[in-house]
């Protein structure tokens, strides 16, 4: 089994590990570990490898939900921190890549199958054109993917922290409420789990009422009832519209005729609602550039192990395999 590598997708709550075939890129033997139950990522990897003694693992790639800016990794939403070089030496890896989680998502896109995504408007993607990827979860992740002569290059960033720009009187009110509470209002303050709660709270507060103490799942559940909570329903609608505006901005920034892809754990929880929302109208609502954006396809990623597939793709390309 020396033709396998270790791949991982590590978020604020869970760490997913799997084996990746270096020949095909297929992932298998997926295990999920709670980040709260283990003192370090290295301990989790050792536990996984001990459960697969027949696999001779010399190469690994971990996609991780935090900025990767050097040897020292400090996770944003869990207490794990480590040195890439020290972990590589401790685990005996020949190649050990640690990449941003949305680098992983973007690198998976060339490998996704038709039933891994749902197309949401636009024309067919144009081969070789830039791709934009974003997704709402604990935060708002963003990356871009470019194809140069058959090799793929992912450019991650912190695009979720750009300024929120309202485009209606209601959004003006929401911005006003949140600015008073938190100061700088980034898009992540609205397009994330907590962002959905922020939208709900701002709707209620702007109407001079007192909001309930709700969690993101509460807002969604109340919005999807047969007789929905009016405030929660409006919050979820606005969330979808704001996702559309943000995606349209990304598409304009890089001319994303290769497609705009939505990842993250939030949208799949209310997929039918999302597909019937104002998302696509808001995506194209860019004045003189409406026609331009009408041709750009949007895809919702439904493949649950996209991060693992992408980590495998990144590692395989690093090792000289053709994607």
Protein backbone atom coordinates (compact mmCIF):
# COMPACT_ATOMS: atom_id res chain seq x y z
CA UNK A 1 0.00 0.00 0.00
CA UNK A 2 2.94 2.33 -0.56
CA UNK A 3 0.96 3.98 -3.37
CA UNK A 4 -1.15 5.73 -0.75
CA UNK A 5 -0.73 9.01 1.08
CA UNK A 6 -2.38 10.45 4.17
CA UNK A 7 -4.81 13.33 3.63
CA UNK A 8 -6.66 15.40 6.20
CA UNK A 9 -9.34 18.06 6.49
CA UNK A 10 -9.15 19.77 9.87
CA UNK A 11 -11.76 22.28 11.04
CA UNK A 12 -12.66 23.91 14.30
CA UNK A 13 -14.59 20.89 15.56
CA UNK A 14 -13.47 17.77 13.72
CA UNK A 15 -10.45 16.31 11.98
CA UNK A 16 -11.14 14.04 9.01
CA UNK A 17 -8.33 11.73 7.90
CA UNK A 18 -8.21 9.34 4.96
CA UNK A 19 -5.95 7.42 2.62
CA UNK A 20 -5.52 8.82 -0.89
CA UNK A 21 -4.51 6.72 -3.88
CA UNK A 22 -1.59 8.47 -5.55
CA UNK A 23 -2.51 6.84 -8.87
CA UNK A 24 -6.19 7.84 -9.01
CA UNK A 25 -6.76 10.46 -6.30
CA UNK A 26 -9.58 8.39 -4.75
CA UNK A 27 -9.93 8.69 -0.98
CA UNK A 28 -10.85 5.80 1.30
CA UNK A 29 -10.81 4.66 4.93
CA UNK A 30 -12.21 7.97 6.16
CA UNK A 31 -12.20 8.51 9.93
CA UNK A 32 -13.48 11.51 11.90
CA UNK A 33 -11.97 12.63 15.21
CA UNK A 34 -13.23 15.29 17.61
CA UNK A 35 -10.71 18.08 18.08
CA UNK A 36 -11.94 18.43 21.66
CA UNK A 37 -11.00 14.87 22.62
CA UNK A 38 -7.32 14.83 21.63
CA UNK A 39 -4.47 17.08 22.78
CA UNK A 40 -2.92 17.55 19.34
CA UNK A 41 -3.29 16.87 15.64
CA UNK A 42 -0.12 14.78 15.79
CA UNK A 43 -1.79 12.45 18.31
CA UNK A 44 -4.78 12.07 15.99
CA UNK A 45 -2.56 11.25 13.00
CA UNK A 46 -0.61 8.67 15.02
CA UNK A 47 -3.88 7.07 16.11
CA UNK A 48 -5.10 6.90 12.52
CA UNK A 49 -1.85 5.43 11.22
CA UNK A 50 -1.82 2.81 13.99
CA UNK A 51 -5.24 1.66 12.73
CA UNK A 52 -3.77 1.15 9.23
CA UNK A 53 -0.49 -0.73 9.86
CA UNK A 54 -0.38 -2.15 6.31
CA UNK A 55 -0.31 1.28 4.74
CA UNK A 56 3.25 2.51 4.18
CA UNK A 57 2.69 6.26 4.42
CA UNK A 58 5.57 8.55 3.50
CA UNK A 59 3.64 11.55 2.16
CA UNK A 60 0.81 13.60 3.63
CA UNK A 61 -1.25 16.73 3.06
CA UNK A 62 -3.50 18.39 5.63
CA UNK A 63 -6.04 21.08 4.75
CA UNK A 64 -6.62 23.20 7.83
CA UNK A 65 -9.11 25.92 8.74
CA UNK A 66 -6.73 28.77 9.50
CA UNK A 67 -4.15 30.90 7.69
CA UNK A 68 -0.98 29.04 6.70
CA UNK A 69 1.78 31.64 6.68
CA UNK A 70 4.88 29.78 7.80
CA UNK A 71 6.10 26.87 9.89
CA UNK A 72 4.01 27.67 12.98
CA UNK A 73 0.31 26.80 12.77
CA UNK A 74 -2.12 28.14 15.36
CA UNK A 75 -5.70 27.12 14.71
CA UNK A 76 -8.41 29.76 14.90
CA UNK A 77 -11.29 27.81 16.39
CA UNK A 78 -9.66 25.03 18.41
CA UNK A 79 -6.61 24.90 20.72
CA UNK A 80 -4.32 22.90 18.44
CA UNK A 81 -1.03 24.44 17.38
CA UNK A 82 2.09 22.86 15.91
CA UNK A 83 5.27 23.26 13.89
CA UNK A 84 4.99 21.78 10.40
CA UNK A 85 8.67 20.82 10.33
CA UNK A 86 8.58 19.21 13.78
CA UNK A 87 5.48 17.20 12.97
CA UNK A 88 6.97 16.08 9.65
CA UNK A 89 10.08 14.82 11.46
CA UNK A 90 8.13 13.21 14.31
CA UNK A 91 5.89 11.31 11.90
CA UNK A 92 8.69 10.35 9.51
CA UNK A 93 7.10 11.85 6.40
CA UNK A 94 9.14 12.55 3.26
CA UNK A 95 6.65 15.19 2.10
CA UNK A 96 4.27 16.94 4.50
CA UNK A 97 2.12 19.74 3.08
CA UNK A 98 -0.18 21.89 5.22
CA UNK A 99 -2.59 24.04 3.22
CA UNK A 100 -5.53 26.34 3.91
CA UNK A 101 -8.87 24.53 3.96
CA UNK A 102 -10.19 26.51 1.01
CA UNK A 103 -7.06 25.68 -0.96
CA UNK A 104 -8.17 22.11 -0.40
CA UNK A 105 -11.73 22.81 -1.53
CA UNK A 106 -10.59 24.64 -4.66
CA UNK A 107 -8.09 21.93 -5.64
CA UNK A 108 -10.90 19.37 -5.49
CA UNK A 109 -12.95 21.11 -8.18
CA UNK A 110 -11.23 19.50 -11.21
CA UNK A 111 -11.93 16.08 -9.64
CA UNK A 112 -15.60 16.64 -8.77
CA UNK A 113 -18.15 14.55 -10.63
CA UNK A 114 -21.52 15.66 -11.96
CA UNK A 115 -23.38 14.25 -8.95
CA UNK A 116 -21.02 16.07 -6.53
CA UNK A 117 -22.49 19.47 -7.43
CA UNK A 118 -25.78 21.22 -8.21
CA UNK A 119 -25.69 23.79 -11.01
CA UNK A 120 -27.49 27.07 -10.30
CA UNK A 121 -27.81 29.13 -13.48
CA UNK A 122 -25.35 30.41 -16.05
CA UNK A 123 -23.75 28.75 -19.07
CA UNK A 124 -21.32 25.86 -19.12
CA UNK A 125 -17.93 26.65 -17.53
CA UNK A 126 -15.19 27.74 -19.91
CA UNK A 127 -12.13 25.51 -19.83
CA UNK A 128 -9.02 27.21 -18.52
CA UNK A 129 -10.86 30.22 -17.10
CA UNK A 130 -10.54 31.26 -13.42
CA UNK A 131 -12.68 29.65 -10.73
CA UNK A 132 -13.93 31.31 -7.53
CA UNK A 133 -14.79 29.29 -4.43
CA UNK A 134 -16.42 30.46 -1.23
CA UNK A 135 -18.37 28.97 1.61
CA UNK A 136 -20.10 29.88 4.84
CA UNK A 137 -19.49 27.80 7.93
CA UNK A 138 -17.89 28.85 11.20
CA UNK A 139 -16.45 31.67 9.08
CA UNK A 140 -16.51 32.72 5.43
CA UNK A 141 -13.80 31.05 3.37
CA UNK A 142 -12.62 32.22 -0.06
CA UNK A 143 -10.15 30.93 -2.63
CA UNK A 144 -9.48 31.18 -6.36
CA UNK A 145 -8.25 28.49 -8.74
CA UNK A 146 -6.26 29.05 -11.92
CA UNK A 147 -5.18 26.62 -14.63
CA UNK A 148 -1.79 27.27 -16.21
CA UNK A 149 -0.85 24.82 -18.96
CA UNK A 150 -2.64 21.94 -17.27
CA UNK A 151 -1.40 22.61 -13.73
CA UNK A 152 -3.74 24.01 -11.11
CA UNK A 153 -2.82 26.78 -8.70
CA UNK A 154 -4.99 27.78 -5.76
CA UNK A 155 -4.81 31.30 -4.35
CA UNK A 156 -6.38 31.45 -0.88
CA UNK A 157 -6.93 34.63 1.03
CA UNK A 158 -9.06 36.22 3.71
CA UNK A 159 -11.76 37.52 1.38
CA UNK A 160 -14.44 36.88 3.98
CA UNK A 161 -13.18 39.91 5.90
CA UNK A 162 -13.81 42.51 3.20
CA UNK A 163 -16.29 45.28 4.07
CA UNK A 164 -19.98 44.44 3.88
CA UNK A 165 -21.66 46.75 1.33
CA UNK A 166 -25.45 47.06 1.74
CA UNK A 167 -27.59 47.34 -1.37
CA UNK A 168 -31.06 48.09 0.03
CA UNK A 169 -32.68 50.13 2.79
CA UNK A 170 -33.17 46.99 4.88
CA UNK A 171 -29.50 46.09 4.55
CA UNK A 172 -28.62 49.68 5.49
CA UNK A 173 -30.52 49.17 8.75
CA UNK A 174 -28.76 45.88 9.42
CA UNK A 175 -25.36 47.47 8.83
CA UNK A 176 -26.26 50.34 11.16
CA UNK A 177 -27.22 47.97 13.99
CA UNK A 178 -24.13 45.79 13.62
CA UNK A 179 -21.74 48.71 13.23
CA UNK A 180 -22.95 50.11 16.55
CA UNK A 181 -22.41 46.73 18.23
CA UNK A 182 -19.13 45.52 16.74
CA UNK A 183 -17.54 48.36 14.77
CA UNK A 184 -16.11 47.00 11.54
CA UNK A 185 -18.73 44.87 9.74
CA UNK A 186 -17.14 42.37 7.38
CA UNK A 187 -19.03 40.01 5.10
CA UNK A 188 -18.15 37.15 7.47
CA UNK A 189 -20.19 38.91 10.17
CA UNK A 190 -23.25 38.10 8.03
CA UNK A 191 -22.26 35.10 5.92
CA UNK A 192 -21.45 32.49 8.55
CA UNK A 193 -23.28 30.58 11.26
CA UNK A 194 -23.04 33.47 13.66
CA UNK A 195 -23.72 35.80 10.74
CA UNK A 196 -27.16 34.27 10.27
CA UNK A 197 -27.87 35.03 13.92
CA UNK A 198 -26.51 38.57 13.45
CA UNK A 199 -28.91 39.16 10.56
CA UNK A 200 -31.85 37.91 12.64
CA UNK A 201 -30.89 40.06 15.63
CA UNK A 202 -30.40 43.17 13.50
CA UNK A 203 -33.82 42.74 11.87
CA UNK A 204 -35.51 42.58 15.26
CA UNK A 205 -33.45 45.37 16.88
CA UNK A 206 -34.02 47.72 13.92
CA UNK A 207 -37.75 47.26 14.57
CA UNK A 208 -37.25 48.33 18.23
CA UNK A 209 -37.93 44.84 19.55
CA UNK A 210 -35.84 42.45 21.66
CA UNK A 211 -34.40 39.42 19.82
CA UNK A 212 -34.50 35.91 21.24
CA UNK A 213 -31.25 34.21 22.21
CA UNK A 214 -31.06 31.88 19.19
CA UNK A 215 -28.35 29.65 17.76
CA UNK A 216 -27.82 29.37 13.97
CA UNK A 217 -29.72 26.06 13.82
CA UNK A 218 -32.64 27.69 15.65
CA UNK A 219 -32.90 30.46 13.06
CA UNK A 220 -32.88 27.91 10.23
CA UNK A 221 -35.38 25.61 11.93
CA UNK A 222 -37.81 28.43 12.67
CA UNK A 223 -37.50 29.75 9.10
CA UNK A 224 -38.31 26.35 7.58
CA UNK A 225 -41.40 25.56 9.64
CA UNK A 226 -44.74 25.11 7.89
CA UNK A 227 -45.72 28.32 9.64
CA UNK A 228 -42.34 30.09 9.74
CA UNK A 229 -41.17 32.65 12.24
CA UNK A 230 -41.34 35.88 10.23
CA UNK A 231 -38.05 37.30 11.50
CA UNK A 232 -36.13 34.07 10.99
CA UNK A 233 -37.63 33.55 7.54
CA UNK A 234 -36.56 37.05 6.54
CA UNK A 235 -33.10 36.49 7.99
CA UNK A 236 -32.62 33.32 5.95
CA UNK A 237 -33.86 35.04 2.79
CA UNK A 238 -31.44 37.91 3.34
CA UNK A 239 -28.62 35.45 4.01
CA UNK A 240 -29.23 33.87 0.58
CA UNK A 241 -29.40 37.27 -1.13
CA UNK A 242 -26.17 38.41 0.53
CA UNK A 243 -24.50 35.14 -0.53
CA UNK A 244 -25.53 36.03 -4.07
CA UNK A 245 -24.14 39.55 -3.90
CA UNK A 246 -20.84 38.32 -2.47
CA UNK A 247 -20.52 35.57 -5.08
CA UNK A 248 -21.19 38.09 -7.85
CA UNK A 249 -18.44 40.32 -6.46
CA UNK A 250 -15.98 37.41 -6.53
CA UNK A 251 -16.96 36.58 -10.11
CA UNK A 252 -16.42 40.18 -11.21
CA UNK A 253 -13.04 40.40 -9.49
CA UNK A 254 -11.42 37.58 -11.49
CA UNK A 255 -13.79 36.98 -14.41
CA UNK A 256 -14.77 33.58 -13.02
CA UNK A 257 -16.03 32.02 -16.26
CA UNK A 258 -14.65 28.71 -15.00
CA UNK A 259 -17.48 28.82 -12.45
CA UNK A 260 -18.27 30.01 -8.97
CA UNK A 261 -18.48 27.20 -6.41
CA UNK A 262 -20.24 27.34 -3.04
CA UNK A 263 -18.83 25.11 -0.32
CA UNK A 264 -19.22 25.14 3.47
CA UNK A 265 -21.55 23.40 5.86
CA UNK A 266 -24.43 25.87 6.03
CA UNK A 267 -26.11 26.03 2.60
CA UNK A 268 -26.67 22.23 2.25
CA UNK A 269 -28.82 22.37 5.41
CA UNK A 270 -31.51 24.36 3.56
CA UNK A 271 -30.75 23.52 -0.05
CA UNK A 272 -34.33 23.61 -1.36
CA UNK A 273 -34.91 26.99 0.30
CA UNK A 274 -31.64 28.30 -1.15
CA UNK A 275 -32.48 27.19 -4.69
CA UNK A 276 -35.82 29.03 -4.45
CA UNK A 277 -34.35 32.15 -2.86
CA UNK A 278 -33.21 35.44 -4.38
CA UNK A 279 -29.62 34.19 -4.64
CA UNK A 280 -29.25 34.08 -8.42
CA UNK A 281 -31.00 37.42 -8.96
CA UNK A 282 -28.68 39.02 -6.39
CA UNK A 283 -25.65 37.30 -7.97
CA UNK A 284 -26.40 39.01 -11.29
CA UNK A 285 -27.60 42.32 -9.82
CA UNK A 286 -24.58 44.39 -10.80
CA UNK A 287 -26.14 47.13 -12.91
CA UNK A 288 -24.41 47.41 -16.28
CA UNK A 289 -22.70 44.04 -15.74
CA UNK A 290 -25.86 41.96 -15.29
CA UNK A 291 -25.47 40.42 -18.76
CA UNK A 292 -21.81 39.64 -18.05
CA UNK A 293 -22.68 37.75 -14.87
CA UNK A 294 -25.68 35.97 -16.37
CA UNK A 295 -23.27 33.68 -18.29
CA UNK A 296 -21.20 32.63 -15.24
CA UNK A 297 -22.32 29.31 -13.75
CA UNK A 298 -22.69 28.77 -10.02
CA UNK A 299 -22.31 25.32 -8.47
CA UNK A 300 -23.25 24.19 -4.97
CA UNK A 301 -20.84 21.49 -3.79
CA UNK A 302 -22.67 18.56 -2.21
CA UNK A 303 -19.64 16.22 -1.96
CA UNK A 304 -19.09 15.92 1.83
CA UNK A 305 -15.39 15.02 1.56
CA UNK A 306 -14.37 17.77 -0.83
CA UNK A 307 -11.54 18.91 1.48
CA UNK A 308 -9.99 15.44 1.55
CA UNK A 309 -10.21 15.08 -2.22
CA UNK A 310 -8.60 18.50 -2.64
CA UNK A 311 -5.80 17.76 -0.20
CA UNK A 312 -5.08 14.63 -2.20
CA UNK A 313 -5.11 16.57 -5.48
CA UNK A 314 -2.72 19.20 -4.08
CA UNK A 315 -0.30 16.51 -2.86
CA UNK A 316 -0.47 14.48 -6.07
CA UNK A 317 0.34 17.54 -8.17
CA UNK A 318 3.20 18.43 -5.79
CA UNK A 319 4.59 14.92 -6.29
CA UNK A 320 4.42 15.26 -10.07
CA UNK A 321 1.14 13.47 -10.83
CA UNK A 322 -1.09 14.90 -13.57
CA UNK A 323 -4.57 15.90 -12.36
